[in-house]
Amino acid sequence: KEEILDIICRNAIEKYKLDDEFLEVIKAREQITSSYF
C-alpha cells in the first residue's frame, strides 16, 4: 500500500502541480480510516 500511495501521489503532484504536502495529507487521511471502497 505504501508503495502504491507514494507512486500514485507523486504522479498527481507532478501532473497537477500540487504541493508536496498532498502525499502527507493522503497518508494522514488513511491513518484515520481505510479508503477501501
PDB file of all heavy atoms in Angstrom:
ATOM      1  N   LYS A   1       0.817  -1.208   0.000  1.00  0.00           N
ATOM      2  CA  LYS A   1       0.000   0.000   0.000  1.00  0.00           C
ATOM      3  C   LYS A   1       0.858   1.270   0.000  1.00  0.00           C
ATOM      4  O   LYS A   1       0.574   2.216  -0.746  1.00  0.00           O
ATOM      5  CB  LYS A   1      -0.918  -0.045   1.226  1.00  0.00           C
ATOM      6  CG  LYS A   1      -1.790   1.142   1.404  1.00  0.00           C
ATOM      7  CD  LYS A   1      -2.620   0.944   2.659  1.00  0.00           C
ATOM      8  CE  LYS A   1      -3.494   2.099   2.974  1.00  0.00           C
ATOM      9  NZ  LYS A   1      -4.348   1.843   4.136  1.00  0.00           N
ATOM     10  N   GLU A   2       1.892   1.303   0.839  1.00  0.00           N
ATOM     11  CA  GLU A   2       2.745   2.495   0.921  1.00  0.00           C
ATOM     12  C   GLU A   2       3.370   2.822  -0.432  1.00  0.00           C
ATOM     13  O   GLU A   2       3.417   3.977  -0.838  1.00  0.00           O
ATOM     14  CB  GLU A   2       3.850   2.292   1.971  1.00  0.00           C
ATOM     15  CG  GLU A   2       3.358   2.299   3.385  1.00  0.00           C
ATOM     16  CD  GLU A   2       2.812   3.662   3.808  1.00  0.00           C
ATOM     17  OE1 GLU A   2       3.444   4.694   3.506  1.00  0.00           O
ATOM     18  OE2 GLU A   2       1.751   3.682   4.448  1.00  0.00           O
ATOM     19  N   GLU A   3       3.840   1.783  -1.121  1.00  0.00           N
ATOM     20  CA  GLU A   3       4.483   1.990  -2.415  1.00  0.00           C
ATOM     21  C   GLU A   3       3.494   2.540  -3.433  1.00  0.00           C
ATOM     22  O   GLU A   3       3.805   3.491  -4.151  1.00  0.00           O
ATOM     23  CB  GLU A   3       5.100   0.685  -2.915  1.00  0.00           C
ATOM     24  CG  GLU A   3       5.841   0.856  -4.223  1.00  0.00           C
ATOM     25  CD  GLU A   3       6.463  -0.428  -4.745  1.00  0.00           C
ATOM     26  OE1 GLU A   3       6.295  -1.492  -4.116  1.00  0.00           O
ATOM     27  OE2 GLU A   3       7.108  -0.359  -5.803  1.00  0.00           O
ATOM     28  N   ILE A   4       2.306   1.959  -3.507  1.00  0.00           N
ATOM     29  CA  ILE A   4       1.326   2.443  -4.483  1.00  0.00           C
ATOM     30  C   ILE A   4       0.897   3.865  -4.141  1.00  0.00           C
ATOM     31  O   ILE A   4       0.740   4.712  -5.024  1.00  0.00           O
ATOM     32  CB  ILE A   4       0.121   1.498  -4.666  1.00  0.00           C
ATOM     33  CG1 ILE A   4      -0.783   1.957  -5.819  1.00  0.00           C
ATOM     34  CG2 ILE A   4      -0.708   1.373  -3.425  1.00  0.00           C
ATOM     35  CD1 ILE A   4      -0.207   1.858  -7.180  1.00  0.00           C
ATOM     36  N   LEU A   5       0.704   4.173  -2.853  1.00  0.00           N
ATOM     37  CA  LEU A   5       0.335   5.540  -2.470  1.00  0.00           C
ATOM     38  C   LEU A   5       1.430   6.532  -2.854  1.00  0.00           C
ATOM     39  O   LEU A   5       1.135   7.614  -3.373  1.00  0.00           O
ATOM     40  CB  LEU A   5       0.041   5.632  -0.974  1.00  0.00           C
ATOM     41  CG  LEU A   5      -1.315   5.108  -0.519  1.00  0.00           C
ATOM     42  CD1 LEU A   5      -1.423   5.149   1.008  1.00  0.00           C
ATOM     43  CD2 LEU A   5      -2.461   5.875  -1.150  1.00  0.00           C
ATOM     44  N   ASP A   6       2.688   6.165  -2.609  1.00  0.00           N
ATOM     45  CA  ASP A   6       3.799   7.041  -2.986  1.00  0.00           C
ATOM     46  C   ASP A   6       3.805   7.308  -4.488  1.00  0.00           C
ATOM     47  O   ASP A   6       3.902   8.456  -4.920  1.00  0.00           O
ATOM     48  CB  ASP A   6       5.148   6.437  -2.572  1.00  0.00           C
ATOM     49  CG  ASP A   6       5.414   6.528  -1.078  1.00  0.00           C
ATOM     50  OD1 ASP A   6       4.707   7.296  -0.386  1.00  0.00           O
ATOM     51  OD2 ASP A   6       6.326   5.826  -0.602  1.00  0.00           O
ATOM     52  N   ILE A   7       3.686   6.258  -5.270  1.00  0.00           N
ATOM     53  CA  ILE A   7       3.748   6.397  -6.729  1.00  0.00           C
ATOM     54  C   ILE A   7       2.576   7.212  -7.257  1.00  0.00           C
ATOM     55  O   ILE A   7       2.746   8.167  -8.023  1.00  0.00           O
ATOM     56  CB  ILE A   7       3.802   5.016  -7.411  1.00  0.00           C
ATOM     57  CG1 ILE A   7       5.141   4.352  -7.121  1.00  0.00           C
ATOM     58  CG2 ILE A   7       3.577   5.137  -8.913  1.00  0.00           C
ATOM     59  CD1 ILE A   7       5.212   2.881  -7.493  1.00  0.00           C
ATOM     60  N   ILE A   8       1.383   6.847  -6.855  1.00  0.00           N
ATOM     61  CA  ILE A   8       0.196   7.493  -7.401  1.00  0.00           C
ATOM     62  C   ILE A   8       0.107   8.963  -6.947  1.00  0.00           C
ATOM     63  O   ILE A   8      -0.289   9.839  -7.722  1.00  0.00           O
ATOM     64  CB  ILE A   8      -1.069   6.675  -7.068  1.00  0.00           C
ATOM     65  CG1 ILE A   8      -2.149   6.914  -8.100  1.00  0.00           C
ATOM     66  CG2 ILE A   8      -1.557   6.903  -5.685  1.00  0.00           C
ATOM     67  CD1 ILE A   8      -3.251   5.879  -8.066  1.00  0.00           C
ATOM     68  N   CYS A   9       0.535   9.247  -5.714  1.00  0.00           N
ATOM     69  CA  CYS A   9       0.533  10.637  -5.237  1.00  0.00           C
ATOM     70  C   CYS A   9       1.604  11.465  -5.933  1.00  0.00           C
ATOM     71  O   CYS A   9       1.359  12.614  -6.315  1.00  0.00           O
ATOM     72  CB  CYS A   9       0.719  10.688  -3.731  1.00  0.00           C
ATOM     73  SG  CYS A   9      -0.751  10.216  -2.804  1.00  0.00           S
ATOM     74  N   ARG A  10       2.788  10.904  -6.091  1.00  0.00           N
ATOM     75  CA  ARG A  10       3.870  11.638  -6.783  1.00  0.00           C
ATOM     76  C   ARG A  10       3.466  11.966  -8.226  1.00  0.00           C
ATOM     77  O   ARG A  10       3.738  13.052  -8.721  1.00  0.00           O
ATOM     78  CB  ARG A  10       5.169  10.841  -6.771  1.00  0.00           C
ATOM     79  CG  ARG A  10       5.733  10.644  -5.397  1.00  0.00           C
ATOM     80  CD  ARG A  10       6.716  11.738  -5.031  1.00  0.00           C
ATOM     81  NE  ARG A  10       7.073  11.562  -3.620  1.00  0.00           N
ATOM     82  CZ  ARG A  10       6.978  12.510  -2.726  1.00  0.00           C
ATOM     83  NH1 ARG A  10       6.564  13.708  -3.057  1.00  0.00           N
ATOM     84  NH2 ARG A  10       7.303  12.303  -1.478  1.00  0.00           N
ATOM     85  N   ASN A  11       2.811  11.013  -8.889  1.00  0.00           N
ATOM     86  CA  ASN A  11       2.327  11.279 -10.248  1.00  0.00           C
ATOM     87  C   ASN A  11       1.326  12.430 -10.259  1.00  0.00           C
ATOM     88  O   ASN A  11       1.379  13.312 -11.121  1.00  0.00           O
ATOM     89  CB  ASN A  11       1.686  10.031 -10.856  1.00  0.00           C
ATOM     90  CG  ASN A  11       2.697   8.971 -11.213  1.00  0.00           C
ATOM     91  OD1 ASN A  11       3.894   9.239 -11.333  1.00  0.00           O
ATOM     92  ND2 ASN A  11       2.232   7.750 -11.386  1.00  0.00           N
ATOM     93  N   ALA A  12       0.403  12.436  -9.302  1.00  0.00           N
ATOM     94  CA  ALA A  12      -0.601  13.501  -9.221  1.00  0.00           C
ATOM     95  C   ALA A  12       0.052  14.843  -8.885  1.00  0.00           C
ATOM     96  O   ALA A  12      -0.312  15.877  -9.463  1.00  0.00           O
ATOM     97  CB  ALA A  12      -1.660  13.149  -8.184  1.00  0.00           C
ATOM     98  N   ILE A  13       1.014  14.835  -7.968  1.00  0.00           N
ATOM     99  CA  ILE A  13       1.715  16.071  -7.593  1.00  0.00           C
ATOM    100  C   ILE A  13       2.375  16.690  -8.817  1.00  0.00           C
ATOM    101  O   ILE A  13       2.281  17.896  -9.058  1.00  0.00           O
ATOM    102  CB  ILE A  13       2.741  15.786  -6.472  1.00  0.00           C
ATOM    103  CG1 ILE A  13       2.017  15.532  -5.150  1.00  0.00           C
ATOM    104  CG2 ILE A  13       3.740  16.923  -6.334  1.00  0.00           C
ATOM    105  CD1 ILE A  13       2.893  14.954  -4.047  1.00  0.00           C
ATOM    106  N   GLU A  14       3.010  15.846  -9.615  1.00  0.00           N
ATOM    107  CA  GLU A  14       3.694  16.334 -10.811  1.00  0.00           C
ATOM    108  C   GLU A  14       2.689  16.828 -11.859  1.00  0.00           C
ATOM    109  O   GLU A  14       2.819  17.930 -12.379  1.00  0.00           O
ATOM    110  CB  GLU A  14       4.557  15.209 -11.397  1.00  0.00           C
ATOM    111  CG  GLU A  14       5.394  15.648 -12.568  1.00  0.00           C
ATOM    112  CD  GLU A  14       6.286  14.533 -13.083  1.00  0.00           C
ATOM    113  OE1 GLU A  14       6.902  13.840 -12.256  1.00  0.00           O
ATOM    114  OE2 GLU A  14       6.334  14.360 -14.313  1.00  0.00           O
ATOM    115  N   LYS A  15       1.694  16.020 -12.157  1.00  0.00           N
ATOM    116  CA  LYS A  15       0.737  16.355 -13.224  1.00  0.00           C
ATOM    117  C   LYS A  15      -0.117  17.569 -12.886  1.00  0.00           C
ATOM    118  O   LYS A  15      -0.373  18.413 -13.735  1.00  0.00           O
ATOM    119  CB  LYS A  15      -0.162  15.166 -13.523  1.00  0.00           C
ATOM    120  CG  LYS A  15      -1.185  15.460 -14.619  1.00  0.00           C
ATOM    121  CD  LYS A  15      -1.858  14.224 -15.111  1.00  0.00           C
ATOM    122  CE  LYS A  15      -2.933  14.497 -16.126  1.00  0.00           C
ATOM    123  NZ  LYS A  15      -2.502  15.027 -17.379  1.00  0.00           N
ATOM    124  N   TYR A  16      -0.562  17.670 -11.639  1.00  0.00           N
ATOM    125  CA  TYR A  16      -1.488  18.740 -11.254  1.00  0.00           C
ATOM    126  C   TYR A  16      -0.810  19.876 -10.492  1.00  0.00           C
ATOM    127  O   TYR A  16      -1.484  20.738  -9.944  1.00  0.00           O
ATOM    128  CB  TYR A  16      -2.657  18.156 -10.448  1.00  0.00           C
ATOM    129  CG  TYR A  16      -3.467  17.206 -11.284  1.00  0.00           C
ATOM    130  CD1 TYR A  16      -3.289  15.830 -11.195  1.00  0.00           C
ATOM    131  CD2 TYR A  16      -4.388  17.686 -12.213  1.00  0.00           C
ATOM    132  CE1 TYR A  16      -4.011  14.957 -11.994  1.00  0.00           C
ATOM    133  CE2 TYR A  16      -5.117  16.821 -13.018  1.00  0.00           C
ATOM    134  CZ  TYR A  16      -4.916  15.461 -12.900  1.00  0.00           C
ATOM    135  OH  TYR A  16      -5.629  14.598 -13.703  1.00  0.00           O
ATOM    136  N   LYS A  17       0.525  19.869 -10.471  1.00  0.00           N
ATOM    137  CA  LYS A  17       1.303  20.935  -9.834  1.00  0.00           C
ATOM    138  C   LYS A  17       0.855  21.180  -8.393  1.00  0.00           C
ATOM    139  O   LYS A  17       0.597  22.297  -7.974  1.00  0.00           O
ATOM    140  CB  LYS A  17       1.200  22.235 -10.643  1.00  0.00           C
ATOM    141  CG  LYS A  17       1.476  22.094 -12.123  1.00  0.00           C
ATOM    142  CD  LYS A  17       2.910  21.699 -12.393  1.00  0.00           C
ATOM    143  CE  LYS A  17       3.178  21.684 -13.888  1.00  0.00           C
ATOM    144  NZ  LYS A  17       3.671  20.437 -14.383  1.00  0.00           N
ATOM    145  N   LEU A  18       0.772  20.092  -7.626  1.00  0.00           N
ATOM    146  CA  LEU A  18       0.350  20.164  -6.232  1.00  0.00           C
ATOM    147  C   LEU A  18       1.545  20.324  -5.309  1.00  0.00           C
ATOM    148  O   LEU A  18       2.666  19.939  -5.653  1.00  0.00           O
ATOM    149  CB  LEU A  18      -0.419  18.892  -5.847  1.00  0.00           C
ATOM    150  CG  LEU A  18      -1.671  18.580  -6.657  1.00  0.00           C
ATOM    151  CD1 LEU A  18      -2.184  17.196  -6.322  1.00  0.00           C
ATOM    152  CD2 LEU A  18      -2.735  19.630  -6.413  1.00  0.00           C
ATOM    153  N   ASP A  19       1.276  20.821  -4.145  1.00  0.00           N
ATOM    154  CA  ASP A  19       2.281  20.935  -3.098  1.00  0.00           C
ATOM    155  C   ASP A  19       2.657  19.521  -2.644  1.00  0.00           C
ATOM    156  O   ASP A  19       1.815  18.620  -2.632  1.00  0.00           O
ATOM    157  CB  ASP A  19       1.663  21.730  -1.935  1.00  0.00           C
ATOM    158  CG  ASP A  19       2.675  22.077  -0.877  1.00  0.00           C
ATOM    159  OD1 ASP A  19       3.143  21.145  -0.200  1.00  0.00           O
ATOM    160  OD2 ASP A  19       2.975  23.268  -0.729  1.00  0.00           O
ATOM    161  N   ASP A  20       3.906  19.321  -2.251  1.00  0.00           N
ATOM    162  CA  ASP A  20       4.354  18.015  -1.757  1.00  0.00           C
ATOM    163  C   ASP A  20       3.565  17.564  -0.531  1.00  0.00           C
ATOM    164  O   ASP A  20       3.554  16.389  -0.196  1.00  0.00           O
ATOM    165  CB  ASP A  20       5.842  18.033  -1.418  1.00  0.00           C
ATOM    166  CG  ASP A  20       6.718  17.954  -2.668  1.00  0.00           C
ATOM    167  OD1 ASP A  20       6.215  17.498  -3.715  1.00  0.00           O
ATOM    168  OD2 ASP A  20       7.886  18.352  -2.600  1.00  0.00           O
ATOM    169  N   GLU A  21       2.897  18.489   0.129  1.00  0.00           N
ATOM    170  CA  GLU A  21       2.070  18.178   1.289  1.00  0.00           C
ATOM    171  C   GLU A  21       0.928  17.216   0.913  1.00  0.00           C
ATOM    172  O   GLU A  21       0.379  16.529   1.769  1.00  0.00           O
ATOM    173  CB  GLU A  21       1.490  19.475   1.863  1.00  0.00           C
ATOM    174  CG  GLU A  21       0.608  19.286   3.048  1.00  0.00           C
ATOM    175  CD  GLU A  21      -0.076  20.582   3.465  1.00  0.00           C
ATOM    176  OE1 GLU A  21       0.148  21.631   2.839  1.00  0.00           O
ATOM    177  OE2 GLU A  21      -0.850  20.514   4.427  1.00  0.00           O
ATOM    178  N   PHE A  22       0.591  17.144  -0.363  1.00  0.00           N
ATOM    179  CA  PHE A  22      -0.508  16.285  -0.810  1.00  0.00           C
ATOM    180  C   PHE A  22      -0.311  14.840  -0.361  1.00  0.00           C
ATOM    181  O   PHE A  22      -1.233  14.209   0.146  1.00  0.00           O
ATOM    182  CB  PHE A  22      -0.654  16.363  -2.335  1.00  0.00           C
ATOM    183  CG  PHE A  22      -1.819  15.597  -2.875  1.00  0.00           C
ATOM    184  CD1 PHE A  22      -3.119  16.028  -2.636  1.00  0.00           C
ATOM    185  CD2 PHE A  22      -1.625  14.455  -3.627  1.00  0.00           C
ATOM    186  CE1 PHE A  22      -4.210  15.335  -3.140  1.00  0.00           C
ATOM    187  CE2 PHE A  22      -2.713  13.744  -4.134  1.00  0.00           C
ATOM    188  CZ  PHE A  22      -4.000  14.183  -3.888  1.00  0.00           C
ATOM    189  N   LEU A  23       0.885  14.304  -0.527  1.00  0.00           N
ATOM    190  CA  LEU A  23       1.179  12.940  -0.096  1.00  0.00           C
ATOM    191  C   LEU A  23       0.951  12.785   1.407  1.00  0.00           C
ATOM    192  O   LEU A  23       0.333  11.811   1.849  1.00  0.00           O
ATOM    193  CB  LEU A  23       2.607  12.539  -0.465  1.00  0.00           C
ATOM    194  CG  LEU A  23       3.083  11.173   0.004  1.00  0.00           C
ATOM    195  CD1 LEU A  23       2.227  10.046  -0.568  1.00  0.00           C
ATOM    196  CD2 LEU A  23       4.542  10.964  -0.393  1.00  0.00           C
ATOM    197  N   GLU A  24       1.401  13.740   2.179  1.00  0.00           N
ATOM    198  CA  GLU A  24       1.214  13.696   3.632  1.00  0.00           C
ATOM    199  C   GLU A  24      -0.275  13.730   4.000  1.00  0.00           C
ATOM    200  O   GLU A  24      -0.716  13.018   4.905  1.00  0.00           O
ATOM    201  CB  GLU A  24       1.939  14.871   4.297  1.00  0.00           C
ATOM    202  CG  GLU A  24       3.442  14.830   4.150  1.00  0.00           C
ATOM    203  CD  GLU A  24       4.095  16.150   4.534  1.00  0.00           C
ATOM    204  OE1 GLU A  24       3.546  16.866   5.391  1.00  0.00           O
ATOM    205  OE2 GLU A  24       5.167  16.447   3.963  1.00  0.00           O
ATOM    206  N   VAL A  25      -1.039  14.550   3.293  1.00  0.00           N
ATOM    207  CA  VAL A  25      -2.478  14.675   3.545  1.00  0.00           C
ATOM    208  C   VAL A  25      -3.188  13.353   3.242  1.00  0.00           C
ATOM    209  O   VAL A  25      -4.052  12.911   3.998  1.00  0.00           O
ATOM    210  CB  VAL A  25      -3.069  15.840   2.705  1.00  0.00           C
ATOM    211  CG1 VAL A  25      -4.583  15.818   2.700  1.00  0.00           C
ATOM    212  CG2 VAL A  25      -2.543  17.170   3.204  1.00  0.00           C
ATOM    213  N   ILE A  26      -2.798  12.710   2.163  1.00  0.00           N
ATOM    214  CA  ILE A  26      -3.400  11.426   1.786  1.00  0.00           C
ATOM    215  C   ILE A  26      -3.066  10.370   2.843  1.00  0.00           C
ATOM    216  O   ILE A  26      -3.943   9.626   3.296  1.00  0.00           O
ATOM    217  CB  ILE A  26      -2.928  10.965   0.392  1.00  0.00           C
ATOM    218  CG1 ILE A  26      -3.413  11.928  -0.702  1.00  0.00           C
ATOM    219  CG2 ILE A  26      -3.366   9.536   0.104  1.00  0.00           C
ATOM    220  CD1 ILE A  26      -4.912  12.027  -0.852  1.00  0.00           C
ATOM    221  N   LYS A  27      -1.819  10.301   3.248  1.00  0.00           N
ATOM    222  CA  LYS A  27      -1.412   9.303   4.242  1.00  0.00           C
ATOM    223  C   LYS A  27      -2.051   9.575   5.605  1.00  0.00           C
ATOM    224  O   LYS A  27      -2.425   8.640   6.311  1.00  0.00           O
ATOM    225  CB  LYS A  27       0.107   9.235   4.338  1.00  0.00           C
ATOM    226  CG  LYS A  27       0.725   8.563   3.114  1.00  0.00           C
ATOM    227  CD  LYS A  27       2.210   8.384   3.256  1.00  0.00           C
ATOM    228  CE  LYS A  27       2.760   7.611   2.075  1.00  0.00           C
ATOM    229  NZ  LYS A  27       4.178   7.303   2.229  1.00  0.00           N
ATOM    230  N   ALA A  28      -2.195  10.842   5.969  1.00  0.00           N
ATOM    231  CA  ALA A  28      -2.844  11.182   7.234  1.00  0.00           C
ATOM    232  C   ALA A  28      -4.308  10.752   7.204  1.00  0.00           C
ATOM    233  O   ALA A  28      -4.833  10.203   8.179  1.00  0.00           O
ATOM    234  CB  ALA A  28      -2.738  12.682   7.498  1.00  0.00           C
ATOM    235  N   ARG A  29      -4.974  10.950   6.093  1.00  0.00           N
ATOM    236  CA  ARG A  29      -6.367  10.527   5.948  1.00  0.00           C
ATOM    237  C   ARG A  29      -6.469   9.001   6.064  1.00  0.00           C
ATOM    238  O   ARG A  29      -7.365   8.466   6.693  1.00  0.00           O
ATOM    239  CB  ARG A  29      -6.908  11.022   4.603  1.00  0.00           C
ATOM    240  CG  ARG A  29      -8.084  10.310   3.968  1.00  0.00           C
ATOM    241  CD  ARG A  29      -9.337  10.298   4.827  1.00  0.00           C
ATOM    242  NE  ARG A  29     -10.388   9.534   4.220  1.00  0.00           N
ATOM    243  CZ  ARG A  29     -10.525   8.205   4.276  1.00  0.00           C
ATOM    244  NH1 ARG A  29      -9.630   7.468   4.863  1.00  0.00           N
ATOM    245  NH2 ARG A  29     -11.552   7.614   3.733  1.00  0.00           N
ATOM    246  N   GLU A  30      -5.539   8.312   5.502  1.00  0.00           N
ATOM    247  CA  GLU A  30      -5.534   6.847   5.524  1.00  0.00           C
ATOM    248  C   GLU A  30      -5.321   6.322   6.941  1.00  0.00           C
ATOM    249  O   GLU A  30      -5.794   5.242   7.279  1.00  0.00           O
ATOM    250  CB  GLU A  30      -4.449   6.328   4.580  1.00  0.00           C
ATOM    251  CG  GLU A  30      -4.628   4.919   4.138  1.00  0.00           C
ATOM    252  CD  GLU A  30      -5.864   4.675   3.286  1.00  0.00           C
ATOM    253  OE1 GLU A  30      -6.246   5.524   2.468  1.00  0.00           O
ATOM    254  OE2 GLU A  30      -6.464   3.593   3.448  1.00  0.00           O
ATOM    255  N   GLN A  31      -4.642   7.087   7.784  1.00  0.00           N
ATOM    256  CA  GLN A  31      -4.429   6.690   9.174  1.00  0.00           C
ATOM    257  C   GLN A  31      -5.726   6.747   9.980  1.00  0.00           C
ATOM    258  O   GLN A  31      -5.901   6.006  10.933  1.00  0.00           O
ATOM    259  CB  GLN A  31      -3.387   7.594   9.844  1.00  0.00           C
ATOM    260  CG  GLN A  31      -1.987   7.419   9.292  1.00  0.00           C
ATOM    261  CD  GLN A  31      -1.449   6.028   9.512  1.00  0.00           C
ATOM    262  OE1 GLN A  31      -1.554   5.478  10.592  1.00  0.00           O
ATOM    263  NE2 GLN A  31      -0.866   5.446   8.479  1.00  0.00           N
ATOM    264  N   ILE A  32      -6.640   7.609   9.580  1.00  0.00           N
ATOM    265  CA  ILE A  32      -7.912   7.762  10.287  1.00  0.00           C
ATOM    266  C   ILE A  32      -8.809   6.549  10.041  1.00  0.00           C
ATOM    267  O   ILE A  32      -9.345   5.964  10.971  1.00  0.00           O
ATOM    268  CB  ILE A  32      -8.619   9.069   9.862  1.00  0.00           C
ATOM    269  CG1 ILE A  32      -7.779  10.262  10.324  1.00  0.00           C
ATOM    270  CG2 ILE A  32     -10.032   9.135  10.431  1.00  0.00           C
ATOM    271  CD1 ILE A  32      -8.235  11.588   9.748  1.00  0.00           C
ATOM    272  N   THR A  33      -8.961   6.177   8.779  1.00  0.00           N
ATOM    273  CA  THR A  33      -9.746   5.003   8.414  1.00  0.00           C
ATOM    274  C   THR A  33      -9.379   4.573   7.003  1.00  0.00           C
ATOM    275  O   THR A  33      -8.919   5.385   6.198  1.00  0.00           O
ATOM    276  CB  THR A  33     -11.268   5.266   8.538  1.00  0.00           C
ATOM    277  OG1 THR A  33     -11.978   4.039   8.340  1.00  0.00           O
ATOM    278  CG2 THR A  33     -11.745   6.285   7.533  1.00  0.00           C
ATOM    279  N   SER A  34      -9.591   3.330   6.709  1.00  0.00           N
ATOM    280  CA  SER A  34      -9.242   2.790   5.401  1.00  0.00           C
ATOM    281  C   SER A  34     -10.066   3.447   4.302  1.00  0.00           C
ATOM    282  O   SER A  34     -11.237   3.761   4.475  1.00  0.00           O
ATOM    283  CB  SER A  34      -9.509   1.284   5.383  1.00  0.00           C
ATOM    284  OG  SER A  34      -9.291   0.765   4.085  1.00  0.00           O
ATOM    285  N   SER A  35      -9.446   3.616   3.158  1.00  0.00           N
ATOM    286  CA  SER A  35     -10.146   4.166   1.992  1.00  0.00           C
ATOM    287  C   SER A  35     -10.653   3.048   1.082  1.00  0.00           C
ATOM    288  O   SER A  35     -10.973   3.295  -0.086  1.00  0.00           O
ATOM    289  CB  SER A  35      -9.232   5.120   1.220  1.00  0.00           C
ATOM    290  OG  SER A  35      -8.061   4.448   0.812  1.00  0.00           O
ATOM    291  N   TYR A  36     -10.735   1.834   1.620  1.00  0.00           N
ATOM    292  CA  TYR A  36     -11.318   0.737   0.843  1.00  0.00           C
ATOM    293  C   TYR A  36     -12.761   1.101   0.523  1.00  0.00           C
ATOM    294  O   TYR A  36     -13.533   1.470   1.398  1.00  0.00           O
ATOM    295  CB  TYR A  36     -11.252  -0.575   1.625  1.00  0.00           C
ATOM    296  CG  TYR A  36     -11.830  -1.738   0.852  1.00  0.00           C
ATOM    297  CD1 TYR A  36     -11.097  -2.318  -0.174  1.00  0.00           C
ATOM    298  CD2 TYR A  36     -13.088  -2.225   1.126  1.00  0.00           C
ATOM    299  CE1 TYR A  36     -11.620  -3.374  -0.904  1.00  0.00           C
ATOM    300  CE2 TYR A  36     -13.623  -3.278   0.395  1.00  0.00           C
ATOM    301  CZ  TYR A  36     -12.883  -3.850  -0.620  1.00  0.00           C
ATOM    302  OH  TYR A  36     -13.405  -4.886  -1.346  1.00  0.00           O
ATOM    303  N   PHE A  37     -13.132   1.007  -0.757  1.00  0.00           N
ATOM    304  CA  PHE A  37     -14.445   1.471  -1.212  1.00  0.00           C
ATOM    305  C   PHE A  37     -15.397   0.316  -1.501  1.00  0.00           C
ATOM    306  O   PHE A  37     -16.598   0.479  -1.495  1.00  0.00           O
ATOM    307  CB  PHE A  37     -14.240   2.323  -2.478  1.00  0.00           C
ATOM    308  CG  PHE A  37     -15.272   3.380  -2.714  1.00  0.00           C
ATOM    309  CD1 PHE A  37     -15.339   4.507  -1.922  1.00  0.00           C
ATOM    310  CD2 PHE A  37     -16.165   3.257  -3.760  1.00  0.00           C
ATOM    311  CE1 PHE A  37     -16.280   5.494  -2.155  1.00  0.00           C
ATOM    312  CE2 PHE A  37     -17.115   4.234  -4.006  1.00  0.00           C
ATOM    313  CZ  PHE A  37     -17.165   5.358  -3.201  1.00  0.00           C
TER     314      PHE A  37
END
